[in-house]
PDB file of N, CA and C in Angstrom:
ATOM      1  N   MET A   1       9.669  12.641   0.088  1.00  0.00           N
ATOM      2  CA  MET A   1       9.789  14.162   0.352  1.00  0.00           C
ATOM      3  C   MET A   1       8.282  14.406   0.584  1.00  0.00           C
ATOM      4  N   SER A   2       8.125  15.472   1.447  1.00  0.00           N
ATOM      5  CA  SER A   2       6.984  15.908   1.681  1.00  0.00           C
ATOM      6  C   SER A   2       6.999  16.875   1.010  1.00  0.00           C
ATOM      7  N   ARG A   3       5.484  17.716   1.244  1.00  0.00           N
ATOM      8  CA  ARG A   3       4.995  18.844   0.401  1.00  0.00           C
ATOM      9  C   ARG A   3       6.089  19.855   0.888  1.00  0.00           C
ATOM     10  N   ASP A   4       6.194  20.361   2.131  1.00  0.00           N
ATOM     11  CA  ASP A   4       7.316  21.238   2.415  1.00  0.00           C
ATOM     12  C   ASP A   4       8.702  20.865   2.082  1.00  0.00           C
ATOM     13  N   GLY A   5       8.814  19.620   2.124  1.00  0.00           N
ATOM     14  CA  GLY A   5      10.635  19.688   1.542  1.00  0.00           C
ATOM     15  C   GLY A   5      10.983  19.818   0.173  1.00  0.00           C
ATOM     16  N   TRP A   6       9.983  19.386  -0.605  1.00  0.00           N
ATOM     17  CA  TRP A   6       9.618  19.928  -2.258  1.00  0.00           C
ATOM     18  C   TRP A   6       9.673  21.478  -2.472  1.00  0.00           C
ATOM     19  N   ALA A   7       9.468  21.874  -1.401  1.00  0.00           N
ATOM     20  CA  ALA A   7       8.899  23.624  -1.317  1.00  0.00           C
ATOM     21  C   ALA A   7      10.620  24.473  -0.827  1.00  0.00           C
ATOM     22  N   ASN A   8      10.990  23.970   0.084  1.00  0.00           N
ATOM     23  CA  ASN A   8      12.164  24.361   0.585  1.00  0.00           C
ATOM     24  C   ASN A   8      13.333  24.064  -0.431  1.00  0.00           C
ATOM     25  N   PHE A   9      13.225  23.056  -1.139  1.00  0.00           N
ATOM     26  CA  PHE A   9      14.211  22.650  -2.265  1.00  0.00           C
ATOM     27  C   PHE A   9      14.453  23.354  -3.251  1.00  0.00           C
ATOM     28  N   PHE A  10      13.623  23.821  -3.390  1.00  0.00           N
ATOM     29  CA  PHE A  10      13.451  24.694  -4.664  1.00  0.00           C
ATOM     30  C   PHE A  10      13.283  26.513  -4.189  1.00  0.00           C
ATOM     31  N   LEU A  11      12.693  26.192  -3.369  1.00  0.00           N
ATOM     32  CA  LEU A  11      13.254  28.073  -2.409  1.00  0.00           C
ATOM     33  C   LEU A  11      14.822  27.944  -2.380  1.00  0.00           C
ATOM     34  N   GLY A  12      15.299  26.951  -1.826  1.00  0.00           N
ATOM     35  CA  GLY A  12      16.520  27.481  -1.406  1.00  0.00           C
ATOM     36  C   GLY A  12      17.452  27.122  -3.126  1.00  0.00           C
ATOM     37  N   LEU A  13      17.029  26.368  -3.849  1.00  0.00           N
ATOM     38  CA  LEU A  13      17.735  26.684  -5.688  1.00  0.00           C
ATOM     39  C   LEU A  13      17.533  27.959  -6.073  1.00  0.00           C
ATOM     40  N   GLY A  14      16.418  28.517  -5.786  1.00  0.00           N
ATOM     41  CA  GLY A  14      16.014  29.588  -6.149  1.00  0.00           C
ATOM     42  C   GLY A  14      17.260  31.008  -6.044  1.00  0.00           C
ATOM     43  N   VAL A  15      17.201  30.531  -4.418  1.00  0.00           N
ATOM     44  CA  VAL A  15      17.827  31.651  -3.798  1.00  0.00           C
ATOM     45  C   VAL A  15      19.443  31.892  -4.120  1.00  0.00           C
ATOM     46  N   GLY A  16      20.025  30.148  -4.166  1.00  0.00           N
ATOM     47  CA  GLY A  16      21.370  29.914  -3.982  1.00  0.00           C
ATOM     48  C   GLY A  16      21.710  30.581  -5.551  1.00  0.00           C
ATOM     49  N   VAL A  17      20.571  30.285  -6.476  1.00  0.00           N
ATOM     50  CA  VAL A  17      21.110  31.074  -7.832  1.00  0.00           C
ATOM     51  C   VAL A  17      21.245  32.249  -7.874  1.00  0.00           C
ATOM     52  N   GLY A  18      20.594  33.094  -7.240  1.00  0.00           N
ATOM     53  CA  GLY A  18      19.938  34.513  -7.141  1.00  0.00           C
ATOM     54  C   GLY A  18      21.205  34.854  -6.507  1.00  0.00           C
ATOM     55  N   VAL A  19      21.627  34.412  -5.310  1.00  0.00           N
ATOM     56  CA  VAL A  19      23.271  34.803  -5.018  1.00  0.00           C
ATOM     57  C   VAL A  19      24.075  34.705  -5.518  1.00  0.00           C
ATOM     58  N   GLY A  20      24.242  33.717  -6.429  1.00  0.00           N
ATOM     59  CA  GLY A  20      25.636  33.256  -6.837  1.00  0.00           C
ATOM     60  C   GLY A  20      25.651  34.392  -8.255  1.00  0.00           C
ATOM     61  N   LEU A  21      24.395  34.597  -8.797  1.00  0.00           N
ATOM     62  CA  LEU A  21      24.438  35.595 -10.146  1.00  0.00           C
ATOM     63  C   LEU A  21      24.746  37.229  -9.097  1.00  0.00           C
ATOM     64  N   LEU A  22      24.572  37.461  -8.156  1.00  0.00           N
ATOM     65  CA  LEU A  22      24.650  38.435  -7.817  1.00  0.00           C
ATOM     66  C   LEU A  22      26.293  38.983  -7.347  1.00  0.00           C
ATOM     67  N   ILE A  23      26.839  37.771  -6.824  1.00  0.00           N
ATOM     68  CA  ILE A  23      28.049  37.946  -6.197  1.00  0.00           C
ATOM     69  C   ILE A  23      29.196  37.141  -7.442  1.00  0.00           C
ATOM     70  N   ALA A  24      28.849  36.955  -8.403  1.00  0.00           N
ATOM     71  CA  ALA A  24      29.789  36.044  -9.487  1.00  0.00           C
ATOM     72  C   ALA A  24      30.618  36.952  -9.993  1.00  0.00           C
ATOM     73  N   PRO A  25      31.440  37.152  -9.960  1.00  0.00           N
ATOM     74  CA  PRO A  25      32.130  38.356 -11.173  1.00  0.00           C
ATOM     75  C   PRO A  25      32.776  37.376 -12.177  1.00  0.00           C
ATOM     76  N   LYS A  26      31.853  36.433 -12.672  1.00  0.00           N
ATOM     77  CA  LYS A  26      31.926  35.624 -14.437  1.00  0.00           C
ATOM     78  C   LYS A  26      30.979  36.424 -15.508  1.00  0.00           C
ATOM     79  N   SER A  27      31.593  35.996 -16.462  1.00  0.00           N
ATOM     80  CA  SER A  27      31.213  36.540 -17.482  1.00  0.00           C
ATOM     81  C   SER A  27      29.677  36.182 -18.005  1.00  0.00           C
ATOM     82  N   GLY A  28      29.086  36.719 -19.033  1.00  0.00           N
ATOM     83  CA  GLY A  28      27.768  36.092 -19.290  1.00  0.00           C
ATOM     84  C   GLY A  28      27.641  34.315 -19.784  1.00  0.00           C
ATOM     85  N   GLU A  29      28.746  33.807 -20.297  1.00  0.00           N
ATOM     86  CA  GLU A  29      28.733  32.402 -20.869  1.00  0.00           C
ATOM     87  C   GLU A  29      29.071  31.767 -19.712  1.00  0.00           C
ATOM     88  N   GLU A  30      30.033  32.214 -19.071  1.00  0.00           N
ATOM     89  CA  GLU A  30      30.192  31.629 -17.677  1.00  0.00           C
ATOM     90  C   GLU A  30      28.669  31.143 -17.099  1.00  0.00           C
ATOM     91  N   THR A  31      28.477  32.508 -16.715  1.00  0.00           N
ATOM     92  CA  THR A  31      27.318  32.625 -15.600  1.00  0.00           C
ATOM     93  C   THR A  31      26.334  31.030 -16.362  1.00  0.00           C
ATOM     94  N   ARG A  32      26.082  31.497 -18.098  1.00  0.00           N
ATOM     95  CA  ARG A  32      24.853  30.767 -18.261  1.00  0.00           C
ATOM     96  C   ARG A  32      25.517  28.829 -18.285  1.00  0.00           C
ATOM     97  N   ASP A  33      26.770  28.880 -17.962  1.00  0.00           N
ATOM     98  CA  ASP A  33      27.209  27.291 -17.950  1.00  0.00           C
ATOM     99  C   ASP A  33      26.932  27.166 -16.821  1.00  0.00           C
ATOM    100  N   PHE A  34      27.149  28.043 -15.708  1.00  0.00           N
ATOM    101  CA  PHE A  34      26.851  27.621 -14.138  1.00  0.00           C
ATOM    102  C   PHE A  34      25.622  27.689 -13.579  1.00  0.00           C
ATOM    103  N   LEU A  35      24.986  28.318 -14.797  1.00  0.00           N
ATOM    104  CA  LEU A  35      22.918  27.740 -14.529  1.00  0.00           C
ATOM    105  C   LEU A  35      22.983  26.896 -15.350  1.00  0.00           C
ATOM    106  N   ARG A  36      23.544  26.455 -16.194  1.00  0.00           N
ATOM    107  CA  ARG A  36      23.216  24.994 -16.809  1.00  0.00           C
ATOM    108  C   ARG A  36      23.188  23.620 -15.863  1.00  0.00           C
ATOM    109  N   ALA A  37      24.768  23.900 -15.361  1.00  0.00           N
ATOM    110  CA  ALA A  37      25.364  22.760 -14.341  1.00  0.00           C
ATOM    111  C   ALA A  37      24.207  22.917 -13.487  1.00  0.00           C
ATOM    112  N   LYS A  38      24.400  23.773 -12.311  1.00  0.00           N
ATOM    113  CA  LYS A  38      22.778  23.816 -11.560  1.00  0.00           C
ATOM    114  C   LYS A  38      21.748  23.179 -12.005  1.00  0.00           C
ATOM    115  N   ALA A  39      21.190  23.331 -13.083  1.00  0.00           N
ATOM    116  CA  ALA A  39      20.424  23.263 -13.159  1.00  0.00           C
ATOM    117  C   ALA A  39      20.367  21.520 -13.682  1.00  0.00           C
ATOM    118  N   ASP A  40      21.303  20.897 -14.339  1.00  0.00           N
ATOM    119  CA  ASP A  40      21.476  19.843 -14.069  1.00  0.00           C
ATOM    120  C   ASP A  40      21.545  19.124 -13.440  1.00  0.00           C
ATOM    121  N   GLU A  41      22.341  19.672 -12.092  1.00  0.00           N
ATOM    122  CA  GLU A  41      22.355  18.948 -10.430  1.00  0.00           C
ATOM    123  C   GLU A  41      20.925  18.761  -9.923  1.00  0.00           C
ATOM    124  N   GLY A  42      20.102  19.715 -10.486  1.00  0.00           N
ATOM    125  CA  GLY A  42      18.622  20.151 -10.017  1.00  0.00           C
ATOM    126  C   GLY A  42      17.909  18.960 -10.595  1.00  0.00           C
ATOM    127  N   LYS A  43      17.922  18.794 -11.835  1.00  0.00           N
ATOM    128  CA  LYS A  43      17.421  17.436 -12.704  1.00  0.00           C
ATOM    129  C   LYS A  43      17.599  15.990 -12.061  1.00  0.00           C
ATOM    130  N   ASP A  44      18.973  16.090 -12.033  1.00  0.00           N
ATOM    131  CA  ASP A  44      19.254  14.387 -11.437  1.00  0.00           C
ATOM    132  C   ASP A  44      19.060  14.645 -10.027  1.00  0.00           C
ATOM    133  N   PHE A  45      18.810  15.354  -8.967  1.00  0.00           N
ATOM    134  CA  PHE A  45      18.279  15.229  -7.965  1.00  0.00           C
ATOM    135  C   PHE A  45      16.872  15.131  -7.670  1.00  0.00           C
ATOM    136  N   LEU A  46      16.522  15.699  -8.585  1.00  0.00           N
ATOM    137  CA  LEU A  46      14.711  15.096  -8.512  1.00  0.00           C
ATOM    138  C   LEU A  46      15.047  13.614  -9.361  1.00  0.00           C
ATOM    139  N   LYS A  47      15.671  13.230  -9.989  1.00  0.00           N
ATOM    140  CA  LYS A  47      15.482  11.645 -10.566  1.00  0.00           C
ATOM    141  C   LYS A  47      15.801  11.209  -9.659  1.00  0.00           C
ATOM    142  N   GLN A  48      16.658  11.294  -8.705  1.00  0.00           N
ATOM    143  CA  GLN A  48      17.116  10.619  -7.737  1.00  0.00           C
ATOM    144  C   GLN A  48      15.688  10.152  -6.626  1.00  0.00           C
ATOM    145  N   GLN A  49      15.356  11.377  -6.383  1.00  0.00           N
ATOM    146  CA  GLN A  49      14.334  11.611  -5.206  1.00  0.00           C
ATOM    147  C   GLN A  49      12.853  10.631  -5.818  1.00  0.00           C
ATOM    148  N   THR A  50      12.794  10.642  -7.134  1.00  0.00           N
ATOM    149  CA  THR A  50      11.875  10.195  -8.301  1.00  0.00           C
ATOM    150  C   THR A  50      11.618   8.732  -7.928  1.00  0.00           C
ATOM    151  N   ALA A  51      13.333   8.224  -8.136  1.00  0.00           N
ATOM    152  CA  ALA A  51      13.423   7.067  -8.449  1.00  0.00           C
ATOM    153  C   ALA A  51      13.534   6.271  -6.649  1.00  0.00           C
ATOM    154  N   GLY A  52      13.749   7.085  -5.740  1.00  0.00           N
ATOM    155  CA  GLY A  52      13.301   6.814  -4.227  1.00  0.00           C
ATOM    156  C   GLY A  52      12.114   6.426  -4.495  1.00  0.00           C
ATOM    157  N   LEU A  53      11.377   7.389  -4.502  1.00  0.00           N
ATOM    158  CA  LEU A  53       9.883   7.207  -4.205  1.00  0.00           C
ATOM    159  C   LEU A  53       9.433   6.139  -4.684  1.00  0.00           C
ATOM    160  N   THR A  54       9.892   6.134  -6.188  1.00  0.00           N
ATOM    161  CA  THR A  54       8.916   4.871  -6.538  1.00  0.00           C
ATOM    162  C   THR A  54       9.368   3.609  -6.274  1.00  0.00           C
ATOM    163  N   GLU A  55      10.872   3.353  -5.456  1.00  0.00           N
ATOM    164  CA  GLU A  55      10.841   1.891  -5.122  1.00  0.00           C
ATOM    165  C   GLU A  55      10.153   2.007  -3.708  1.00  0.00           C
ATOM    166  N   ASP A  56       9.951   2.960  -3.203  1.00  0.00           N
ATOM    167  CA  ASP A  56       9.180   2.956  -1.853  1.00  0.00           C
ATOM    168  C   ASP A  56       8.203   2.365  -2.293  1.00  0.00           C
ATOM    169  N   LEU A  57       7.368   3.182  -3.116  1.00  0.00           N
ATOM    170  CA  LEU A  57       5.720   3.044  -3.166  1.00  0.00           C
ATOM    171  C   LEU A  57       5.809   1.264  -3.983  1.00  0.00           C
ATOM    172  N   LYS A  58       6.814   1.154  -4.255  1.00  0.00           N
ATOM    173  CA  LYS A  58       6.780  -0.826  -5.117  1.00  0.00           C
ATOM    174  C   LYS A  58       6.640  -1.172  -3.801  1.00  0.00           C
ATOM    175  N   GLU A  59       7.986  -1.363  -2.780  1.00  0.00           N
ATOM    176  CA  GLU A  59       7.763  -2.225  -1.653  1.00  0.00           C
ATOM    177  C   GLU A  59       6.475  -1.879  -0.902  1.00  0.00           C
ATOM    178  N   ARG A  60       5.822  -0.333  -0.647  1.00  0.00           N
ATOM    179  CA  ARG A  60       4.641  -0.626   0.094  1.00  0.00           C
ATOM    180  C   ARG A  60       3.162  -1.583  -0.488  1.00  0.00           C
ATOM    181  N   ALA A  61       3.126  -1.052  -2.296  1.00  0.00           N
ATOM    182  CA  ALA A  61       2.115  -1.720  -2.583  1.00  0.00           C
ATOM    183  C   ALA A  61       2.323  -3.215  -2.182  1.00  0.00           C
ATOM    184  N   GLU A  62       3.642  -4.089  -2.741  1.00  0.00           N
ATOM    185  CA  GLU A  62       4.108  -5.542  -2.562  1.00  0.00           C
ATOM    186  C   GLU A  62       3.636  -5.799  -0.756  1.00  0.00           C
ATOM    187  N   ASP A  63       3.853  -5.120   0.182  1.00  0.00           N
ATOM    188  CA  ASP A  63       3.661  -5.189   1.738  1.00  0.00           C
ATOM    189  C   ASP A  63       1.981  -5.152   1.509  1.00  0.00           C
ATOM    190  N   LEU A  64       0.865  -4.114   1.015  1.00  0.00           N
ATOM    191  CA  LEU A  64      -0.451  -4.212   0.703  1.00  0.00           C
ATOM    192  C   LEU A  64      -0.702  -5.437   0.370  1.00  0.00           C
ATOM    193  N   LYS A  65      -0.527  -5.532  -0.908  1.00  0.00           N
ATOM    194  CA  LYS A  65      -0.695  -7.174  -1.139  1.00  0.00           C
ATOM    195  C   LYS A  65      -0.404  -8.473  -0.703  1.00  0.00           C
ATOM    196  N   ALA A  66       0.260  -8.538  -0.088  1.00  0.00           N
ATOM    197  CA  ALA A  66       0.948  -9.345   1.132  1.00  0.00           C
ATOM    198  C   ALA A  66      -0.127  -9.582   2.446  1.00  0.00           C
ATOM    199  N   ARG A  67      -0.579  -8.088   2.979  1.00  0.00           N
ATOM    200  CA  ARG A  67      -1.319  -8.329   3.809  1.00  0.00           C
ATOM    201  C   ARG A  67      -2.810  -8.580   3.346  1.00  0.00           C
ATOM    202  N   SER A  68      -3.053  -7.729   1.852  1.00  0.00           N
ATOM    203  CA  SER A  68      -4.526  -8.019   1.589  1.00  0.00           C
ATOM    204  C   SER A  68      -4.780  -9.678   1.311  1.00  0.00           C
ATOM    205  N   ASN A  69      -3.811 -10.450   0.641  1.00  0.00           N
ATOM    206  CA  ASN A  69      -3.791 -11.794   0.776  1.00  0.00           C
ATOM    207  C   ASN A  69      -4.191 -12.473   2.076  1.00  0.00           C
ATOM    208  N   ASP A  70      -3.503 -12.171   2.979  1.00  0.00           N
ATOM    209  CA  ASP A  70      -3.532 -12.756   4.507  1.00  0.00           C
ATOM    210  C   ASP A  70      -4.778 -12.653   4.886  1.00  0.00           C
ATOM    211  N   VAL A  71      -5.802 -11.214   4.470  1.00  0.00           N
ATOM    212  CA  VAL A  71      -6.981 -11.266   5.044  1.00  0.00           C
ATOM    213  C   VAL A  71      -7.712 -12.202   4.660  1.00  0.00           C
ATOM    214  N   VAL A  72      -7.575 -11.841   2.957  1.00  0.00           N
ATOM    215  CA  VAL A  72      -8.520 -12.806   2.185  1.00  0.00           C
ATOM    216  C   VAL A  72      -8.249 -14.395   2.581  1.00  0.00           C
ATOM    217  N   ALA A  73      -7.589 -14.945   3.293  1.00  0.00           N
ATOM    218  CA  ALA A  73      -7.054 -16.053   3.322  1.00  0.00           C
ATOM    219  C   ALA A  73      -7.596 -16.602   4.717  1.00  0.00           C
ATOM    220  N   ARG A  74      -7.680 -15.343   5.604  1.00  0.00           N
ATOM    221  CA  ARG A  74      -8.425 -15.776   6.930  1.00  0.00           C
ATOM    222  C   ARG A  74      -9.650 -15.561   6.953  1.00  0.00           C
ATOM    223  N   GLY A  75     -10.108 -14.644   5.923  1.00  0.00           N
ATOM    224  CA  GLY A  75     -11.727 -14.531   5.610  1.00  0.00           C
ATOM    225  C   GLY A  75     -12.415 -16.078   5.269  1.00  0.00           C
ATOM    226  N   LYS A  76     -11.765 -16.901   4.287  1.00  0.00           N
ATOM    227  CA  LYS A  76     -12.042 -17.945   3.602  1.00  0.00           C
ATOM    228  C   LYS A  76     -12.125 -18.883   4.541  1.00  0.00           C
ATOM    229  N   ASP A  77     -10.718 -18.867   5.540  1.00  0.00           N
ATOM    230  CA  ASP A  77     -10.795 -19.943   6.309  1.00  0.00           C
ATOM    231  C   ASP A  77     -12.031 -19.878   7.396  1.00  0.00           C
ATOM    232  N   ILE A  78     -12.252 -18.855   7.364  1.00  0.00           N
ATOM    233  CA  ILE A  78     -13.479 -18.507   8.818  1.00  0.00           C
ATOM    234  C   ILE A  78     -14.739 -19.012   7.908  1.00  0.00           C
ATOM    235  N   LEU A  79     -15.431 -18.084   6.832  1.00  0.00           N
ATOM    236  CA  LEU A  79     -16.119 -18.979   6.267  1.00  0.00           C
ATOM    237  C   LEU A  79     -16.200 -20.342   6.176  1.00  0.00           C
ATOM    238  N   SER A  80     -15.381 -20.819   5.830  1.00  0.00           N
ATOM    239  CA  SER A  80     -15.171 -22.400   5.533  1.00  0.00           C
ATOM    240  C   SER A  80     -15.413 -22.870   6.778  1.00  0.00           C
ATOM    241  N   ARG A  81     -15.128 -22.668   7.871  1.00  0.00           N
ATOM    242  CA  ARG A  81     -15.646 -22.731   9.335  1.00  0.00           C
ATOM    243  C   ARG A  81     -16.822 -22.486   9.773  1.00  0.00           C
ATOM    244  N   GLN A  82     -17.491 -21.795   9.315  1.00  0.00           N
ATOM    245  CA  GLN A  82     -18.940 -20.913   9.949  1.00  0.00           C
ATOM    246  C   GLN A  82     -19.518 -22.112   8.818  1.00  0.00           C
ATOM    247  N   LYS A  83     -19.565 -22.408   7.594  1.00  0.00           N
ATOM    248  CA  LYS A  83     -20.498 -23.115   6.572  1.00  0.00           C
ATOM    249  C   LYS A  83     -19.980 -24.631   7.236  1.00  0.00           C
ATOM    250  N   ASP A  84     -19.086 -24.992   7.964  1.00  0.00           N
ATOM    251  CA  ASP A  84     -19.094 -26.473   8.583  1.00  0.00           C
ATOM    252  C   ASP A  84     -19.837 -26.355   9.823  1.00  0.00           C
ATOM    253  N   VAL A  85     -20.088 -25.444  10.698  1.00  0.00           N
ATOM    254  CA  VAL A  85     -20.847 -25.488  11.626  1.00  0.00           C
ATOM    255  C   VAL A  85     -22.268 -25.354  11.391  1.00  0.00           C
ATOM    256  N   LEU A  86     -22.606 -24.167  10.272  1.00  0.00           N
ATOM    257  CA  LEU A  86     -23.950 -24.539   9.966  1.00  0.00           C
ATOM    258  C   LEU A  86     -24.490 -25.530   9.075  1.00  0.00           C
ATOM    259  N   SER A  87     -23.888 -26.307   8.864  1.00  0.00           N
ATOM    260  CA  SER A  87     -23.973 -27.455   7.850  1.00  0.00           C
ATOM    261  C   SER A  87     -24.346 -28.585   9.284  1.00  0.00           C
ATOM    262  N   ASP A  88     -23.525 -28.500  10.055  1.00  0.00           N
ATOM    263  CA  ASP A  88     -23.598 -29.794  11.311  1.00  0.00           C
ATOM    264  C   ASP A  88     -24.912 -29.400  11.970  1.00  0.00           C
ATOM    265  N   ALA A  89     -25.218 -27.998  12.084  1.00  0.00           N
ATOM    266  CA  ALA A  89     -26.110 -27.138  12.639  1.00  0.00           C
ATOM    267  C   ALA A  89     -27.883 -28.132  12.343  1.00  0.00           C
ATOM    268  N   ILE A  90     -27.786 -27.809  11.030  1.00  0.00           N
ATOM    269  CA  ILE A  90     -28.882 -27.894  10.167  1.00  0.00           C
ATOM    270  C   ILE A  90     -28.840 -29.566   9.967  1.00  0.00           C
ATOM    271  N   GLU A  91     -27.606 -30.706   9.795  1.00  0.00           N
ATOM    272  CA  GLU A  91     -28.034 -31.568   9.998  1.00  0.00           C
ATOM    273  C   GLU A  91     -28.241 -32.394  11.269  1.00  0.00           C
ATOM    274  N   ALA A  92     -28.264 -31.645  12.310  1.00  0.00           N
ATOM    275  CA  ALA A  92     -28.722 -32.018  13.448  1.00  0.00           C
ATOM    276  C   ALA A  92     -30.188 -31.527  14.094  1.00  0.00           C
ATOM    277  N   GLY A  93     -30.546 -30.540  13.247  1.00  0.00           N
ATOM    278  CA  GLY A  93     -32.037 -30.110  13.654  1.00  0.00           C
ATOM    279  C   GLY A  93     -32.697 -30.969  12.541  1.00  0.00           C
ATOM    280  N   ARG A  94     -32.352 -31.607  11.278  1.00  0.00           N
ATOM    281  CA  ARG A  94     -33.302 -32.562  10.402  1.00  0.00           C
ATOM    282  C   ARG A  94     -32.919 -33.700  11.651  1.00  0.00           C
ATOM    283  N   GLN A  95     -32.188 -34.104  11.997  1.00  0.00           N
ATOM    284  CA  GLN A  95     -31.995 -35.593  12.594  1.00  0.00           C
ATOM    285  C   GLN A  95     -33.559 -35.338  13.934  1.00  0.00           C
ATOM    286  N   ALA A  96     -33.268 -34.492  14.435  1.00  0.00           N
ATOM    287  CA  ALA A  96     -34.390 -34.021  15.709  1.00  0.00           C
ATOM    288  C   ALA A  96     -35.525 -34.172  14.907  1.00  0.00           C
ATOM    289  N   TYR A  97     -35.811 -33.489  14.028  1.00  0.00           N
ATOM    290  CA  TYR A  97     -37.047 -33.262  13.318  1.00  0.00           C
ATOM    291  C   TYR A  97     -37.339 -34.291  12.909  1.00  0.00           C
ATOM    292  N   ARG A  98     -36.381 -35.660  12.264  1.00  0.00           N
ATOM    293  CA  ARG A  98     -36.881 -36.950  11.778  1.00  0.00           C
ATOM    294  C   ARG A  98     -37.154 -37.547  13.502  1.00  0.00           C
ATOM    295  N   ASP A  99     -36.562 -37.738  14.547  1.00  0.00           N
ATOM    296  CA  ASP A  99     -36.321 -38.101  15.552  1.00  0.00           C
ATOM    297  C   ASP A  99     -38.315 -38.170  16.042  1.00  0.00           C
ATOM    298  N   LYS A 100     -38.428 -36.777  16.477  1.00  0.00           N
ATOM    299  CA  LYS A 100     -39.971 -36.375  16.644  1.00  0.00           C
ATOM    300  C   LYS A 100     -41.348 -36.577  15.623  1.00  0.00           C
ATOM    301  N   VAL A 101     -40.699 -36.792  14.662  1.00  0.00           N
ATOM    302  CA  VAL A 101     -41.878 -36.723  13.317  1.00  0.00           C
ATOM    303  C   VAL A 101     -42.163 -38.532  13.333  1.00  0.00           C
ATOM    304  N   GLU A 102     -41.067 -38.801  13.079  1.00  0.00           N
ATOM    305  CA  GLU A 102     -41.219 -40.422  12.704  1.00  0.00           C
ATOM    306  C   GLU A 102     -41.940 -41.104  13.932  1.00  0.00           C
ATOM    307  N   PRO A 103     -42.347 -42.287  13.562  1.00  0.00           N
ATOM    308  CA  PRO A 103     -43.190 -43.095  14.688  1.00  0.00           C
ATOM    309  C   PRO A 103     -41.906 -44.282  15.288  1.00  0.00           C
ATOM    310  N   THR A 104     -41.995 -44.086  16.180  1.00  0.00           N
ATOM    311  CA  THR A 104     -40.774 -45.166  16.827  1.00  0.00           C
ATOM    312  C   THR A 104     -41.095 -46.302  16.441  1.00  0.00           C
ATOM    313  N   SER A 105     -39.854 -47.211  16.172  1.00  0.00           N
ATOM    314  CA  SER A 105     -39.833 -48.745  16.207  1.00  0.00           C
ATOM    315  C   SER A 105     -40.719 -49.519  17.039  1.00  0.00           C
ATOM    316  N   PRO A 106     -41.474 -50.863  16.929  1.00  0.00           N
ATOM    317  CA  PRO A 106     -41.828 -51.387  17.833  1.00  0.00           C
ATOM    318  C   PRO A 106     -41.064 -51.690  18.817  1.00  0.00           C
ATOM    319  N   ALA A 107     -39.617 -52.004  18.764  1.00  0.00           N
ATOM    320  CA  ALA A 107     -38.771 -52.897  19.920  1.00  0.00           C
ATOM    321  C   ALA A 107     -38.175 -51.214  20.968  1.00  0.00           C
ATOM    322  N   GLU A 108     -38.203 -50.542  20.094  1.00  0.00           N
ATOM    323  CA  GLU A 108     -37.770 -49.386  20.775  1.00  0.00           C
ATOM    324  C   GLU A 108     -39.130 -49.204  21.907  1.00  0.00           C
ATOM    325  N   SER A 109     -40.386 -48.947  21.780  1.00  0.00           N
ATOM    326  CA  SER A 109     -41.529 -48.746  22.790  1.00  0.00           C
ATOM    327  C   SER A 109     -41.840 -49.729  23.451  1.00  0.00           C
ATOM    328  N   ALA A 110     -41.240 -51.069  22.903  1.00  0.00           N
ATOM    329  CA  ALA A 110     -41.103 -52.055  24.149  1.00  0.00           C
ATOM    330  C   ALA A 110     -40.303 -52.422  25.647  1.00  0.00           C
TER     331      ALA A 110
END
């Protein structure tokens, strides 16, 4: 529930209790019981909302964890491929250096 939703809930609860007290032709004890029951209803409502929010947050956390694991796995795969490409390039450079620096064999010069 959004911030405005909570504010509206509590505003409605307060207005409802106030109007109920003004128009209710009940004794003091009946009114206290009524208020107690309404307070319990409000408490139960808040517990339900909190439980729902908790479940929603757990689901979102699990989804975020799965996404982050996927991103990490893709990152590792990309790094591994880049490492292979770099290793191949280094080996090609070494081979080119050896071909340039090492004298050619007599069979090759003939």
